[in-house]
Amino acid sequence: GGGSGPAAEPATFWMKSSVAVRSVVKALRDQGPDIAGTLNVTVEGTATAPRLDTIRATLREDAGEIAIGAFKLSGRRPTELRLEDGRLHVDGFEWRGPESTVTATGSVGLAGGVDGRLHVNGAASLALLNLLVPERVDGRATFDVEVSGTPGTRQVLGTVAIEDGSLAVQR
């Protein structure tokens, strides 16, 4: 006869750490902006198999700060992310800096075929772009953007408005 044995217990994991942002960025990209700061992260979850769609996890970040050049951003409340069924849910995300606020709500699909709808809005100083492009950029942008779809078929819809914008190109 062959019945199946008892279901295996899911693997559990937990981590609490202060993470240096610079080391994470360098691991992802050889060249990147001058970025520094520390994120205070707690991650906990379970996995029933070594596949993204079987992981259930929560990530919480408290009192972190990121500096991109002289531009500083900090969380106004805890950042809370939840991974379930191959989808990352944004339960709390609000970061602020000088003349800048970025908030996000919704979800984004990470596993193949998993969709999501992520809404990002806010306002930011365009001076932040000076760290990414060689030209001198100034002004302010307000934005309201929605990212939807599955990995590989994402759509980005929304508006970006620029106030008092300027771009100086050196020759």
Protein backbone atom coordinates (compact mmCIF):
# COMPACT_ATOMS: atom_id res chain seq x y z
CA GLY A 1 0.00 0.00 0.00
CA GLY A 2 2.10 3.14 0.29
CA GLY A 3 0.48 6.08 2.01
CA SER A 4 2.34 9.28 2.33
CA GLY A 5 4.15 9.98 5.54
CA PRO A 6 3.46 12.95 7.78
CA ALA A 7 3.99 16.36 6.23
CA ALA A 8 7.39 17.81 6.90
CA GLU A 9 7.56 20.74 9.27
CA PRO A 10 8.40 23.99 7.49
CA ALA A 11 11.88 25.39 7.98
CA THR A 12 11.87 28.57 10.06
CA PHE A 13 14.28 31.47 10.01
CA TRP A 14 14.82 34.66 12.01
CA MET A 15 17.38 37.43 11.77
CA LYS A 16 17.86 40.80 13.42
CA SER A 17 20.71 42.92 12.17
CA SER A 18 21.99 46.37 11.36
CA VAL A 19 22.83 46.32 7.67
CA ALA A 20 25.32 48.72 6.06
CA VAL A 21 23.62 50.05 2.91
CA ARG A 22 26.94 50.62 1.11
CA SER A 23 27.88 46.91 1.31
CA VAL A 24 24.48 45.84 -0.09
CA VAL A 25 24.72 48.28 -3.02
CA LYS A 26 28.30 47.16 -3.81
CA ALA A 27 27.16 43.53 -3.82
CA LEU A 28 24.45 44.39 -6.38
CA ARG A 29 26.36 46.84 -8.61
CA ASP A 30 30.01 47.52 -9.40
CA GLN A 31 29.40 51.23 -9.96
CA GLY A 32 26.70 53.06 -8.09
CA PRO A 33 25.90 56.30 -6.31
CA ASP A 34 27.77 57.42 -3.19
CA ILE A 35 25.42 55.78 -0.70
CA ALA A 36 25.79 55.17 3.03
CA GLY A 37 23.67 54.54 6.08
CA THR A 38 22.34 51.73 8.20
CA LEU A 39 19.08 49.81 8.13
CA ASN A 40 17.92 48.07 11.31
CA VAL A 41 16.21 44.97 9.94
CA THR A 42 14.26 42.10 11.49
CA VAL A 43 13.30 39.21 9.20
CA GLU A 44 11.32 36.12 10.19
CA GLY A 45 9.54 33.46 8.25
CA THR A 46 9.03 29.91 7.11
CA ALA A 47 9.64 27.89 3.95
CA THR A 48 8.16 24.53 3.02
CA ALA A 49 10.50 24.02 0.02
CA PRO A 50 13.50 25.81 -1.52
CA ARG A 51 11.28 27.86 -3.89
CA LEU A 52 10.28 31.53 -3.70
CA ASP A 53 6.56 30.74 -3.85
CA THR A 54 6.76 28.59 -0.66
CA ILE A 55 8.39 31.28 1.52
CA ARG A 56 6.28 33.25 3.99
CA ALA A 57 8.26 36.02 5.62
CA THR A 58 8.02 39.47 7.16
CA LEU A 59 10.66 42.18 7.11
CA ARG A 60 10.53 45.18 9.41
CA GLU A 61 12.95 48.10 9.34
CA ASP A 62 13.04 50.57 12.25
CA ALA A 63 14.81 53.92 12.51
CA GLY A 64 17.10 53.49 9.55
CA GLU A 65 18.71 56.27 7.58
CA ILE A 66 20.16 56.38 4.09
CA ALA A 67 22.50 59.09 2.80
CA ILE A 68 22.96 59.42 -0.95
CA GLY A 69 25.74 61.98 -1.14
CA ALA A 70 24.57 64.85 1.09
CA PHE A 71 20.91 63.86 0.60
CA LYS A 72 19.49 62.05 3.65
CA LEU A 73 16.33 59.92 3.84
CA SER A 74 14.84 58.33 6.95
CA GLY A 75 11.80 56.22 7.70
CA ARG A 76 8.90 58.17 9.20
CA ARG A 77 7.39 54.97 10.55
CA PRO A 78 8.55 51.36 10.45
CA THR A 79 8.90 49.91 6.96
CA GLU A 80 7.00 46.63 6.82
CA LEU A 81 7.20 44.14 3.94
CA ARG A 82 5.57 40.71 3.75
CA LEU A 83 6.41 37.90 1.31
CA GLU A 84 3.63 35.36 0.63
CA ASP A 85 2.97 33.07 -2.34
CA GLY A 86 5.66 34.72 -4.48
CA ARG A 87 4.26 38.22 -3.91
CA LEU A 88 5.90 41.02 -1.88
CA HIS A 89 3.28 43.08 -0.01
CA VAL A 90 4.19 46.60 1.10
CA ASP A 91 2.33 47.05 4.39
CA GLY A 92 4.23 50.17 5.49
CA PHE A 93 6.63 52.40 3.55
CA GLU A 94 7.11 56.12 4.13
CA TRP A 95 10.54 57.72 3.86
CA ARG A 96 11.31 61.44 4.09
CA GLY A 97 14.20 63.76 3.53
CA PRO A 98 14.79 67.43 2.74
CA GLU A 99 11.88 68.52 0.53
CA SER A 100 11.16 64.85 -0.18
CA THR A 101 8.60 62.20 0.74
CA VAL A 102 8.16 58.75 -0.81
CA THR A 103 5.33 56.40 0.13
CA ALA A 104 4.42 53.01 -1.31
CA THR A 105 1.48 50.64 -0.90
CA GLY A 106 0.34 47.46 -2.61
CA SER A 107 2.30 44.48 -3.83
CA VAL A 108 4.67 43.29 -6.53
CA GLY A 109 4.96 39.77 -7.92
CA LEU A 110 8.43 38.23 -7.58
CA ALA A 111 7.83 34.62 -8.68
CA GLY A 112 7.08 33.78 -12.30
CA GLY A 113 3.43 34.33 -13.23
CA VAL A 114 2.59 36.17 -9.98
CA ASP A 115 1.12 39.62 -10.54
CA GLY A 116 0.93 42.66 -8.31
CA ARG A 117 -0.06 46.30 -8.19
CA LEU A 118 2.34 48.67 -6.42
CA HIS A 119 1.47 52.35 -5.94
CA VAL A 120 4.36 54.80 -5.31
CA ASN A 121 3.84 58.50 -4.80
CA GLY A 122 5.50 61.51 -3.30
CA ALA A 123 7.70 64.47 -4.02
CA ALA A 124 11.47 64.74 -4.25
CA SER A 125 14.23 67.21 -4.87
CA LEU A 126 15.77 66.65 -8.30
CA ALA A 127 19.17 67.36 -6.71
CA LEU A 128 19.22 63.64 -5.93
CA LEU A 129 19.80 63.00 -9.64
CA ASN A 130 23.16 64.80 -9.39
CA LEU A 131 24.53 61.62 -7.86
CA LEU A 132 23.45 59.54 -10.85
CA VAL A 133 24.12 61.76 -13.88
CA PRO A 134 27.11 64.00 -14.70
CA GLU A 135 24.88 66.99 -15.53
CA ARG A 136 23.79 69.52 -12.88
CA VAL A 137 20.07 69.01 -12.11
CA ASP A 138 17.89 71.19 -9.91
CA GLY A 139 14.19 71.57 -9.13
CA ARG A 140 11.45 69.45 -7.63
CA ALA A 141 9.37 66.53 -8.90
CA THR A 142 6.05 65.20 -7.70
CA PHE A 143 5.07 61.72 -8.82
CA ASP A 144 2.22 59.24 -8.66
CA VAL A 145 3.11 55.92 -10.31
CA GLU A 146 1.59 52.46 -10.41
CA VAL A 147 3.59 49.34 -11.33
CA SER A 148 1.49 46.31 -12.25
CA GLY A 149 1.81 42.93 -13.93
CA THR A 150 4.00 39.89 -13.61
CA PRO A 151 7.81 39.67 -13.76
CA GLY A 152 8.83 40.26 -17.37
CA THR A 153 5.51 41.92 -18.32
CA ARG A 154 5.36 44.84 -15.92
CA GLN A 155 3.61 48.07 -16.84
CA VAL A 156 4.38 51.45 -15.32
CA LEU A 157 1.66 54.10 -15.50
CA GLY A 158 1.48 57.44 -13.77
CA THR A 159 2.49 61.04 -13.78
CA VAL A 160 5.64 62.93 -12.94
CA ALA A 161 5.47 66.73 -12.69
CA ILE A 162 8.61 68.88 -12.54
CA GLU A 163 8.63 72.33 -10.92
CA ASP A 164 11.42 74.89 -11.40
CA GLY A 165 13.50 72.25 -13.16
CA SER A 166 16.86 73.01 -14.68
CA LEU A 167 19.61 70.99 -16.33
CA ALA A 168 23.12 72.32 -16.90
CA VAL A 169 25.38 70.38 -19.26
CA GLN A 170 29.12 71.10 -19.23
CA ARG A 171 30.87 71.06 -22.59
